[in-house]
Amino acid sequence: IVNNPKDASDARRIEDGDTRNLLVRYYEYNIQEGDT
């Protein structure tokens, strides 16, 4: 966990029973081949 904004004024968790949309930025790297 590089950053977990627990103390942000608008911080929320996804609690039991919740359904939420998350926007995602990602980087995917093949460890075995050493390639992005």
PDB file of all heavy atoms in Angstrom:
ATOM      1  N   ILE A   1       0.864  -1.171   0.000  1.00  0.00           N
ATOM      2  CA  ILE A   1       0.000   0.000   0.000  1.00  0.00           C
ATOM      3  C   ILE A   1       0.905   1.227   0.000  1.00  0.00           C
ATOM      4  O   ILE A   1       1.546   1.549   1.001  1.00  0.00           O
ATOM      5  CB  ILE A   1      -0.942   0.005   1.216  1.00  0.00           C
ATOM      6  CG1 ILE A   1      -1.854  -1.230   1.176  1.00  0.00           C
ATOM      7  CG2 ILE A   1      -1.773   1.287   1.243  1.00  0.00           C
ATOM      8  CD1 ILE A   1      -2.785  -1.352   2.370  1.00  0.00           C
ATOM      9  N   VAL A   2       0.982   1.898  -1.131  1.00  0.00           N
ATOM     10  CA  VAL A   2       1.842   3.069  -1.284  1.00  0.00           C
ATOM     11  C   VAL A   2       1.204   4.281  -0.626  1.00  0.00           C
ATOM     12  O   VAL A   2       1.873   5.071   0.026  1.00  0.00           O
ATOM     13  CB  VAL A   2       2.112   3.341  -2.777  1.00  0.00           C
ATOM     14  CG1 VAL A   2       3.002   4.570  -2.951  1.00  0.00           C
ATOM     15  CG2 VAL A   2       2.750   2.129  -3.439  1.00  0.00           C
ATOM     16  N   ASN A   3      -0.104   4.417  -0.797  1.00  0.00           N
ATOM     17  CA  ASN A   3      -0.821   5.527  -0.156  1.00  0.00           C
ATOM     18  C   ASN A   3      -2.229   5.087   0.197  1.00  0.00           C
ATOM     19  O   ASN A   3      -2.934   4.498  -0.623  1.00  0.00           O
ATOM     20  CB  ASN A   3      -0.894   6.745  -1.081  1.00  0.00           C
ATOM     21  CG  ASN A   3      -1.436   7.967  -0.358  1.00  0.00           C
ATOM     22  OD1 ASN A   3      -0.890   8.389   0.660  1.00  0.00           O
ATOM     23  ND2 ASN A   3      -2.518   8.549  -0.854  1.00  0.00           N
ATOM     24  N   ASN A   4      -2.626   5.351   1.425  1.00  0.00           N
ATOM     25  CA  ASN A   4      -3.965   5.024   1.903  1.00  0.00           C
ATOM     26  C   ASN A   4      -4.524   6.269   2.589  1.00  0.00           C
ATOM     27  O   ASN A   4      -4.157   6.572   3.720  1.00  0.00           O
ATOM     28  CB  ASN A   4      -3.915   3.852   2.879  1.00  0.00           C
ATOM     29  CG  ASN A   4      -5.284   3.243   3.116  1.00  0.00           C
ATOM     30  OD1 ASN A   4      -6.268   3.626   2.497  1.00  0.00           O
ATOM     31  ND2 ASN A   4      -5.354   2.274   4.021  1.00  0.00           N
ATOM     32  N   PRO A   5      -5.399   7.031   1.903  1.00  0.00           N
ATOM     33  CA  PRO A   5      -5.813   8.355   2.392  1.00  0.00           C
ATOM     34  C   PRO A   5      -6.837   8.304   3.521  1.00  0.00           C
ATOM     35  O   PRO A   5      -7.945   8.865   3.433  1.00  0.00           O
ATOM     36  CB  PRO A   5      -6.403   8.997   1.133  1.00  0.00           C
ATOM     37  CG  PRO A   5      -6.946   7.848   0.350  1.00  0.00           C
ATOM     38  CD  PRO A   5      -5.986   6.713   0.588  1.00  0.00           C
ATOM     39  N   LYS A   6      -6.467   7.665   4.613  1.00  0.00           N
ATOM     40  CA  LYS A   6      -7.390   7.512   5.737  1.00  0.00           C
ATOM     41  C   LYS A   6      -7.841   8.855   6.294  1.00  0.00           C
ATOM     42  O   LYS A   6      -8.976   8.984   6.765  1.00  0.00           O
ATOM     43  CB  LYS A   6      -6.716   6.710   6.854  1.00  0.00           C
ATOM     44  CG  LYS A   6      -6.354   5.292   6.513  1.00  0.00           C
ATOM     45  CD  LYS A   6      -5.685   4.614   7.697  1.00  0.00           C
ATOM     46  CE  LYS A   6      -5.293   3.180   7.394  1.00  0.00           C
ATOM     47  NZ  LYS A   6      -4.638   2.521   8.555  1.00  0.00           N
ATOM     48  N   ASP A   7      -6.938   9.849   6.268  1.00  0.00           N
ATOM     49  CA  ASP A   7      -7.210  11.117   6.934  1.00  0.00           C
ATOM     50  C   ASP A   7      -7.804  12.171   6.014  1.00  0.00           C
ATOM     51  O   ASP A   7      -8.029  13.311   6.445  1.00  0.00           O
ATOM     52  CB  ASP A   7      -5.913  11.663   7.554  1.00  0.00           C
ATOM     53  CG  ASP A   7      -5.342  10.720   8.616  1.00  0.00           C
ATOM     54  OD1 ASP A   7      -6.144  10.060   9.296  1.00  0.00           O
ATOM     55  OD2 ASP A   7      -4.113  10.648   8.741  1.00  0.00           O
ATOM     56  N   ALA A   8      -8.065  11.833   4.756  1.00  0.00           N
ATOM     57  CA  ALA A   8      -8.678  12.801   3.840  1.00  0.00           C
ATOM     58  C   ALA A   8     -10.088  13.145   4.319  1.00  0.00           C
ATOM     59  O   ALA A   8     -10.805  12.297   4.846  1.00  0.00           O
ATOM     60  CB  ALA A   8      -8.727  12.229   2.425  1.00  0.00           C
ATOM     61  N   SER A   9     -10.477  14.400   4.154  1.00  0.00           N
ATOM     62  CA  SER A   9     -11.777  14.854   4.661  1.00  0.00           C
ATOM     63  C   SER A   9     -12.941  14.114   4.010  1.00  0.00           C
ATOM     64  O   SER A   9     -14.017  13.964   4.612  1.00  0.00           O
ATOM     65  CB  SER A   9     -11.927  16.359   4.433  1.00  0.00           C
ATOM     66  OG  SER A   9     -11.831  16.678   3.051  1.00  0.00           O
ATOM     67  N   ASP A  10     -12.747  13.649   2.784  1.00  0.00           N
ATOM     68  CA  ASP A  10     -13.817  12.938   2.081  1.00  0.00           C
ATOM     69  C   ASP A  10     -13.554  11.439   1.985  1.00  0.00           C
ATOM     70  O   ASP A  10     -14.172  10.743   1.179  1.00  0.00           O
ATOM     71  CB  ASP A  10     -14.012  13.517   0.683  1.00  0.00           C
ATOM     72  CG  ASP A  10     -12.791  13.308  -0.216  1.00  0.00           C
ATOM     73  OD1 ASP A  10     -11.679  13.112   0.337  1.00  0.00           O
ATOM     74  OD2 ASP A  10     -12.938  13.332  -1.448  1.00  0.00           O
ATOM     75  N   ALA A  11     -12.637  10.925   2.802  1.00  0.00           N
ATOM     76  CA  ALA A  11     -12.246   9.512   2.711  1.00  0.00           C
ATOM     77  C   ALA A  11     -13.428   8.597   3.015  1.00  0.00           C
ATOM     78  O   ALA A  11     -14.187   8.818   3.959  1.00  0.00           O
ATOM     79  CB  ALA A  11     -11.097   9.222   3.676  1.00  0.00           C
ATOM     80  N   ARG A  12     -13.581   7.582   2.166  1.00  0.00           N
ATOM     81  CA  ARG A  12     -14.634   6.592   2.345  1.00  0.00           C
ATOM     82  C   ARG A  12     -14.062   5.202   2.104  1.00  0.00           C
ATOM     83  O   ARG A  12     -13.093   5.040   1.362  1.00  0.00           O
ATOM     84  CB  ARG A  12     -15.777   6.822   1.344  1.00  0.00           C
ATOM     85  CG  ARG A  12     -16.457   8.164   1.452  1.00  0.00           C
ATOM     86  CD  ARG A  12     -17.343   8.248   2.686  1.00  0.00           C
ATOM     87  NE  ARG A  12     -18.195   9.427   2.653  1.00  0.00           N
ATOM     88  CZ  ARG A  12     -17.811  10.650   3.038  1.00  0.00           C
ATOM     89  NH1 ARG A  12     -16.583  10.850   3.466  1.00  0.00           N
ATOM     90  NH2 ARG A  12     -18.659  11.665   2.993  1.00  0.00           N
ATOM     91  N   ARG A  13     -14.696   4.211   2.695  1.00  0.00           N
ATOM     92  CA  ARG A  13     -14.390   2.824   2.402  1.00  0.00           C
ATOM     93  C   ARG A  13     -15.564   2.229   1.630  1.00  0.00           C
ATOM     94  O   ARG A  13     -16.653   2.802   1.578  1.00  0.00           O
ATOM     95  CB  ARG A  13     -14.150   2.039   3.691  1.00  0.00           C
ATOM     96  CG  ARG A  13     -13.039   2.618   4.556  1.00  0.00           C
ATOM     97  CD  ARG A  13     -12.714   1.724   5.712  1.00  0.00           C
ATOM     98  NE  ARG A  13     -11.932   0.576   5.266  1.00  0.00           N
ATOM     99  CZ  ARG A  13     -11.371  -0.301   6.088  1.00  0.00           C
ATOM    100  NH1 ARG A  13     -11.530  -0.174   7.386  1.00  0.00           N
ATOM    101  NH2 ARG A  13     -10.671  -1.305   5.622  1.00  0.00           N
ATOM    102  N   ILE A  14     -15.335   1.077   1.044  1.00  0.00           N
ATOM    103  CA  ILE A  14     -16.426   0.344   0.415  1.00  0.00           C
ATOM    104  C   ILE A  14     -16.903  -0.677   1.440  1.00  0.00           C
ATOM    105  O   ILE A  14     -16.265  -1.706   1.656  1.00  0.00           O
ATOM    106  CB  ILE A  14     -15.976  -0.331  -0.890  1.00  0.00           C
ATOM    107  CG1 ILE A  14     -15.461   0.717  -1.880  1.00  0.00           C
ATOM    108  CG2 ILE A  14     -17.131  -1.114  -1.514  1.00  0.00           C
ATOM    109  CD1 ILE A  14     -14.925   0.144  -3.176  1.00  0.00           C
ATOM    110  N   GLU A  15     -17.997  -0.341   2.091  1.00  0.00           N
ATOM    111  CA  GLU A  15     -18.484  -1.134   3.214  1.00  0.00           C
ATOM    112  C   GLU A  15     -19.372  -2.278   2.723  1.00  0.00           C
ATOM    113  O   GLU A  15     -19.770  -2.336   1.546  1.00  0.00           O
ATOM    114  CB  GLU A  15     -19.269  -0.241   4.176  1.00  0.00           C
ATOM    115  CG  GLU A  15     -18.497   0.941   4.732  1.00  0.00           C
ATOM    116  CD  GLU A  15     -17.449   0.562   5.767  1.00  0.00           C
ATOM    117  OE1 GLU A  15     -17.354  -0.645   6.099  1.00  0.00           O
ATOM    118  OE2 GLU A  15     -16.735   1.458   6.253  1.00  0.00           O
ATOM    119  N   ASP A  16     -19.671  -3.178   3.639  1.00  0.00           N
ATOM    120  CA  ASP A  16     -20.547  -4.305   3.327  1.00  0.00           C
ATOM    121  C   ASP A  16     -21.872  -3.794   2.772  1.00  0.00           C
ATOM    122  O   ASP A  16     -22.513  -2.907   3.355  1.00  0.00           O
ATOM    123  CB  ASP A  16     -20.784  -5.121   4.602  1.00  0.00           C
ATOM    124  CG  ASP A  16     -21.631  -6.357   4.367  1.00  0.00           C
ATOM    125  OD1 ASP A  16     -21.780  -6.761   3.186  1.00  0.00           O
ATOM    126  OD2 ASP A  16     -22.128  -6.920   5.362  1.00  0.00           O
ATOM    127  N   GLY A  17     -22.275  -4.330   1.632  1.00  0.00           N
ATOM    128  CA  GLY A  17     -23.519  -3.925   1.005  1.00  0.00           C
ATOM    129  C   GLY A  17     -23.377  -2.826  -0.024  1.00  0.00           C
ATOM    130  O   GLY A  17     -24.331  -2.519  -0.746  1.00  0.00           O
ATOM    131  N   ASP A  18     -22.201  -2.224  -0.110  1.00  0.00           N
ATOM    132  CA  ASP A  18     -21.979  -1.124  -1.059  1.00  0.00           C
ATOM    133  C   ASP A  18     -21.629  -1.647  -2.446  1.00  0.00           C
ATOM    134  O   ASP A  18     -20.948  -2.670  -2.591  1.00  0.00           O
ATOM    135  CB  ASP A  18     -20.838  -0.218  -0.592  1.00  0.00           C
ATOM    136  CG  ASP A  18     -21.241   0.658   0.574  1.00  0.00           C
ATOM    137  OD1 ASP A  18     -22.437   0.953   0.714  1.00  0.00           O
ATOM    138  OD2 ASP A  18     -20.347   1.045   1.351  1.00  0.00           O
ATOM    139  N   THR A  19     -22.048  -0.904  -3.445  1.00  0.00           N
ATOM    140  CA  THR A  19     -21.610  -1.097  -4.827  1.00  0.00           C
ATOM    141  C   THR A  19     -21.153   0.267  -5.345  1.00  0.00           C
ATOM    142  O   THR A  19     -21.952   1.211  -5.352  1.00  0.00           O
ATOM    143  CB  THR A  19     -22.742  -1.645  -5.716  1.00  0.00           C
ATOM    144  OG1 THR A  19     -23.163  -2.921  -5.201  1.00  0.00           O
ATOM    145  CG2 THR A  19     -22.258  -1.832  -7.148  1.00  0.00           C
ATOM    146  N   ARG A  20     -19.885   0.382  -5.741  1.00  0.00           N
ATOM    147  CA  ARG A  20     -19.312   1.669  -6.109  1.00  0.00           C
ATOM    148  C   ARG A  20     -18.504   1.565  -7.396  1.00  0.00           C
ATOM    149  O   ARG A  20     -17.937   0.510  -7.719  1.00  0.00           O
ATOM    150  CB  ARG A  20     -18.385   2.183  -4.993  1.00  0.00           C
ATOM    151  CG  ARG A  20     -19.053   2.329  -3.639  1.00  0.00           C
ATOM    152  CD  ARG A  20     -20.194   3.327  -3.652  1.00  0.00           C
ATOM    153  NE  ARG A  20     -20.898   3.355  -2.388  1.00  0.00           N
ATOM    154  CZ  ARG A  20     -22.036   4.027  -2.177  1.00  0.00           C
ATOM    155  NH1 ARG A  20     -22.586   4.705  -3.166  1.00  0.00           N
ATOM    156  NH2 ARG A  20     -22.617   3.973  -1.001  1.00  0.00           N
ATOM    157  N   ASN A  21     -18.441   2.669  -8.107  1.00  0.00           N
ATOM    158  CA  ASN A  21     -17.606   2.776  -9.297  1.00  0.00           C
ATOM    159  C   ASN A  21     -16.269   3.404  -8.926  1.00  0.00           C
ATOM    160  O   ASN A  21     -16.238   4.461  -8.288  1.00  0.00           O
ATOM    161  CB  ASN A  21     -18.287   3.629 -10.374  1.00  0.00           C
ATOM    162  CG  ASN A  21     -19.503   2.952 -10.968  1.00  0.00           C
ATOM    163  OD1 ASN A  21     -19.661   1.733 -10.874  1.00  0.00           O
ATOM    164  ND2 ASN A  21     -20.374   3.728 -11.579  1.00  0.00           N
ATOM    165  N   LEU A  22     -15.191   2.745  -9.327  1.00  0.00           N
ATOM    166  CA  LEU A  22     -13.852   3.272  -9.109  1.00  0.00           C
ATOM    167  C   LEU A  22     -13.192   3.574 -10.449  1.00  0.00           C
ATOM    168  O   LEU A  22     -13.265   2.766 -11.371  1.00  0.00           O
ATOM    169  CB  LEU A  22     -12.986   2.279  -8.327  1.00  0.00           C
ATOM    170  CG  LEU A  22     -13.385   1.971  -6.881  1.00  0.00           C
ATOM    171  CD1 LEU A  22     -12.410   0.954  -6.281  1.00  0.00           C
ATOM    172  CD2 LEU A  22     -13.414   3.239  -6.035  1.00  0.00           C
ATOM    173  N   LEU A  23     -12.549   4.727 -10.531  1.00  0.00           N
ATOM    174  CA  LEU A  23     -11.736   5.079 -11.691  1.00  0.00           C
ATOM    175  C   LEU A  23     -10.319   4.623 -11.421  1.00  0.00           C
ATOM    176  O   LEU A  23      -9.783   4.829 -10.322  1.00  0.00           O
ATOM    177  CB  LEU A  23     -11.782   6.587 -11.933  1.00  0.00           C
ATOM    178  CG  LEU A  23     -13.184   7.192 -12.077  1.00  0.00           C
ATOM    179  CD1 LEU A  23     -13.086   8.701 -12.293  1.00  0.00           C
ATOM    180  CD2 LEU A  23     -13.952   6.525 -13.204  1.00  0.00           C
ATOM    181  N   VAL A  24      -9.704   4.004 -12.422  1.00  0.00           N
ATOM    182  CA  VAL A  24      -8.442   3.304 -12.207  1.00  0.00           C
ATOM    183  C   VAL A  24      -7.385   3.743 -13.215  1.00  0.00           C
ATOM    184  O   VAL A  24      -7.633   3.781 -14.427  1.00  0.00           O
ATOM    185  CB  VAL A  24      -8.636   1.772 -12.331  1.00  0.00           C
ATOM    186  CG1 VAL A  24      -7.324   1.042 -12.144  1.00  0.00           C
ATOM    187  CG2 VAL A  24      -9.663   1.279 -11.329  1.00  0.00           C
ATOM    188  N   ARG A  25      -6.216   4.086 -12.714  1.00  0.00           N
ATOM    189  CA  ARG A  25      -5.012   4.237 -13.531  1.00  0.00           C
ATOM    190  C   ARG A  25      -4.081   3.093 -13.156  1.00  0.00           C
ATOM    191  O   ARG A  25      -3.876   2.807 -11.970  1.00  0.00           O
ATOM    192  CB  ARG A  25      -4.317   5.569 -13.257  1.00  0.00           C
ATOM    193  CG  ARG A  25      -5.136   6.801 -13.644  1.00  0.00           C
ATOM    194  CD  ARG A  25      -5.147   7.033 -15.132  1.00  0.00           C
ATOM    195  NE  ARG A  25      -5.852   8.263 -15.499  1.00  0.00           N
ATOM    196  CZ  ARG A  25      -6.010   8.691 -16.742  1.00  0.00           C
ATOM    197  NH1 ARG A  25      -5.505   7.998 -17.750  1.00  0.00           N
ATOM    198  NH2 ARG A  25      -6.670   9.801 -16.988  1.00  0.00           N
ATOM    199  N   TYR A  26      -3.490   2.442 -14.167  1.00  0.00           N
ATOM    200  CA  TYR A  26      -2.686   1.264 -13.855  1.00  0.00           C
ATOM    201  C   TYR A  26      -1.496   1.133 -14.801  1.00  0.00           C
ATOM    202  O   TYR A  26      -1.454   1.706 -15.892  1.00  0.00           O
ATOM    203  CB  TYR A  26      -3.548  -0.007 -13.952  1.00  0.00           C
ATOM    204  CG  TYR A  26      -3.780  -0.432 -15.392  1.00  0.00           C
ATOM    205  CD1 TYR A  26      -2.939  -1.358 -16.017  1.00  0.00           C
ATOM    206  CD2 TYR A  26      -4.795   0.120 -16.160  1.00  0.00           C
ATOM    207  CE1 TYR A  26      -3.114  -1.720 -17.343  1.00  0.00           C
ATOM    208  CE2 TYR A  26      -4.987  -0.231 -17.472  1.00  0.00           C
ATOM    209  CZ  TYR A  26      -4.138  -1.151 -18.068  1.00  0.00           C
ATOM    210  OH  TYR A  26      -4.306  -1.487 -19.381  1.00  0.00           O
ATOM    211  N   TYR A  27      -0.549   0.348 -14.335  1.00  0.00           N
ATOM    212  CA  TYR A  27       0.612  -0.068 -15.133  1.00  0.00           C
ATOM    213  C   TYR A  27       0.748  -1.569 -14.958  1.00  0.00           C
ATOM    214  O   TYR A  27       0.726  -2.068 -13.822  1.00  0.00           O
ATOM    215  CB  TYR A  27       1.869   0.660 -14.648  1.00  0.00           C
ATOM    216  CG  TYR A  27       3.168   0.142 -15.209  1.00  0.00           C
ATOM    217  CD1 TYR A  27       3.572   0.468 -16.504  1.00  0.00           C
ATOM    218  CD2 TYR A  27       4.021  -0.650 -14.431  1.00  0.00           C
ATOM    219  CE1 TYR A  27       4.782   0.002 -17.013  1.00  0.00           C
ATOM    220  CE2 TYR A  27       5.227  -1.115 -14.932  1.00  0.00           C
ATOM    221  CZ  TYR A  27       5.594  -0.787 -16.223  1.00  0.00           C
ATOM    222  OH  TYR A  27       6.792  -1.254 -16.731  1.00  0.00           O
ATOM    223  N   GLU A  28       0.882  -2.304 -16.064  1.00  0.00           N
ATOM    224  CA  GLU A  28       0.927  -3.774 -16.037  1.00  0.00           C
ATOM    225  C   GLU A  28       2.250  -4.251 -16.623  1.00  0.00           C
ATOM    226  O   GLU A  28       2.592  -3.910 -17.752  1.00  0.00           O
ATOM    227  CB  GLU A  28      -0.246  -4.328 -16.851  1.00  0.00           C
ATOM    228  CG  GLU A  28      -0.330  -5.846 -16.903  1.00  0.00           C
ATOM    229  CD  GLU A  28      -1.449  -6.317 -17.824  1.00  0.00           C
ATOM    230  OE1 GLU A  28      -1.719  -5.639 -18.852  1.00  0.00           O
ATOM    231  OE2 GLU A  28      -2.054  -7.362 -17.507  1.00  0.00           O
ATOM    232  N   TYR A  29       2.986  -5.038 -15.832  1.00  0.00           N
ATOM    233  CA  TYR A  29       4.337  -5.463 -16.208  1.00  0.00           C
ATOM    234  C   TYR A  29       4.468  -6.967 -16.044  1.00  0.00           C
ATOM    235  O   TYR A  29       4.136  -7.528 -14.990  1.00  0.00           O
ATOM    236  CB  TYR A  29       5.346  -4.738 -15.312  1.00  0.00           C
ATOM    237  CG  TYR A  29       6.790  -5.102 -15.514  1.00  0.00           C
ATOM    238  CD1 TYR A  29       7.556  -4.521 -16.527  1.00  0.00           C
ATOM    239  CD2 TYR A  29       7.420  -6.000 -14.650  1.00  0.00           C
ATOM    240  CE1 TYR A  29       8.894  -4.835 -16.691  1.00  0.00           C
ATOM    241  CE2 TYR A  29       8.761  -6.319 -14.807  1.00  0.00           C
ATOM    242  CZ  TYR A  29       9.489  -5.740 -15.834  1.00  0.00           C
ATOM    243  OH  TYR A  29      10.824  -6.057 -15.991  1.00  0.00           O
ATOM    244  N   ASN A  30       4.932  -7.633 -17.092  1.00  0.00           N
ATOM    245  CA  ASN A  30       5.165  -9.075 -17.055  1.00  0.00           C
ATOM    246  C   ASN A  30       6.507  -9.329 -16.374  1.00  0.00           C
ATOM    247  O   ASN A  30       7.575  -9.071 -16.948  1.00  0.00           O
ATOM    248  CB  ASN A  30       5.156  -9.645 -18.477  1.00  0.00           C
ATOM    249  CG  ASN A  30       5.294 -11.161 -18.517  1.00  0.00           C
ATOM    250  OD1 ASN A  30       5.975 -11.765 -17.688  1.00  0.00           O
ATOM    251  ND2 ASN A  30       4.687 -11.780 -19.507  1.00  0.00           N
ATOM    252  N   ILE A  31       6.462  -9.839 -15.160  1.00  0.00           N
ATOM    253  CA  ILE A  31       7.683 -10.056 -14.377  1.00  0.00           C
ATOM    254  C   ILE A  31       8.580 -11.100 -15.027  1.00  0.00           C
ATOM    255  O   ILE A  31       9.800 -10.957 -15.052  1.00  0.00           O
ATOM    256  CB  ILE A  31       7.316 -10.479 -12.938  1.00  0.00           C
ATOM    257  CG1 ILE A  31       6.687  -9.297 -12.194  1.00  0.00           C
ATOM    258  CG2 ILE A  31       8.545 -10.995 -12.179  1.00  0.00           C
ATOM    259  CD1 ILE A  31       6.152  -9.655 -10.815  1.00  0.00           C
ATOM    260  N   GLN A  32       7.970 -12.122 -15.567  1.00  0.00           N
ATOM    261  CA  GLN A  32       8.735 -13.234 -16.121  1.00  0.00           C
ATOM    262  C   GLN A  32       9.513 -12.832 -17.372  1.00  0.00           C
ATOM    263  O   GLN A  32      10.670 -13.214 -17.550  1.00  0.00           O
ATOM    264  CB  GLN A  32       7.788 -14.389 -16.438  1.00  0.00           C
ATOM    265  CG  GLN A  32       8.465 -15.719 -16.654  1.00  0.00           C
ATOM    266  CD  GLN A  32       7.496 -16.867 -16.466  1.00  0.00           C
ATOM    267  OE1 GLN A  32       7.002 -17.100 -15.372  1.00  0.00           O
ATOM    268  NE2 GLN A  32       7.202 -17.552 -17.542  1.00  0.00           N
ATOM    269  N   GLU A  33       8.883 -12.037 -18.234  1.00  0.00           N
ATOM    270  CA  GLU A  33       9.515 -11.625 -19.491  1.00  0.00           C
ATOM    271  C   GLU A  33      10.238 -10.290 -19.375  1.00  0.00           C
ATOM    272  O   GLU A  33      11.013  -9.920 -20.257  1.00  0.00           O
ATOM    273  CB  GLU A  33       8.461 -11.545 -20.600  1.00  0.00           C
ATOM    274  CG  GLU A  33       7.761 -12.857 -20.893  1.00  0.00           C
ATOM    275  CD  GLU A  33       8.720 -13.934 -21.355  1.00  0.00           C
ATOM    276  OE1 GLU A  33       9.722 -13.597 -22.014  1.00  0.00           O
ATOM    277  OE2 GLU A  33       8.481 -15.128 -21.068  1.00  0.00           O
ATOM    278  N   GLY A  34       9.958  -9.545 -18.321  1.00  0.00           N
ATOM    279  CA  GLY A  34      10.596  -8.251 -18.146  1.00  0.00           C
ATOM    280  C   GLY A  34      10.091  -7.191 -19.107  1.00  0.00           C
ATOM    281  O   GLY A  34      10.835  -6.303 -19.524  1.00  0.00           O
ATOM    282  N   ASP A  35       8.796  -7.276 -19.455  1.00  0.00           N
ATOM    283  CA  ASP A  35       8.215  -6.365 -20.444  1.00  0.00           C
ATOM    284  C   ASP A  35       6.957  -5.699 -19.904  1.00  0.00           C
ATOM    285  O   ASP A  35       6.167  -6.325 -19.184  1.00  0.00           O
ATOM    286  CB  ASP A  35       7.827  -7.120 -21.719  1.00  0.00           C
ATOM    287  CG  ASP A  35       9.036  -7.600 -22.513  1.00  0.00           C
ATOM    288  OD1 ASP A  35      10.068  -6.916 -22.476  1.00  0.00           O
ATOM    289  OD2 ASP A  35       8.940  -8.673 -23.145  1.00  0.00           O
ATOM    290  N   THR A  36       6.769  -4.437 -20.289  1.00  0.00           N
ATOM    291  CA  THR A  36       5.504  -3.764 -20.021  1.00  0.00           C
ATOM    292  C   THR A  36       4.443  -4.338 -20.947  1.00  0.00           C
ATOM    293  O   THR A  36       4.658  -4.456 -22.153  1.00  0.00           O
ATOM    294  CB  THR A  36       5.622  -2.254 -20.253  1.00  0.00           C
ATOM    295  OG1 THR A  36       6.581  -1.701 -19.329  1.00  0.00           O
ATOM    296  CG2 THR A  36       4.284  -1.554 -20.057  1.00  0.00           C
TER     297      THR A  36
END
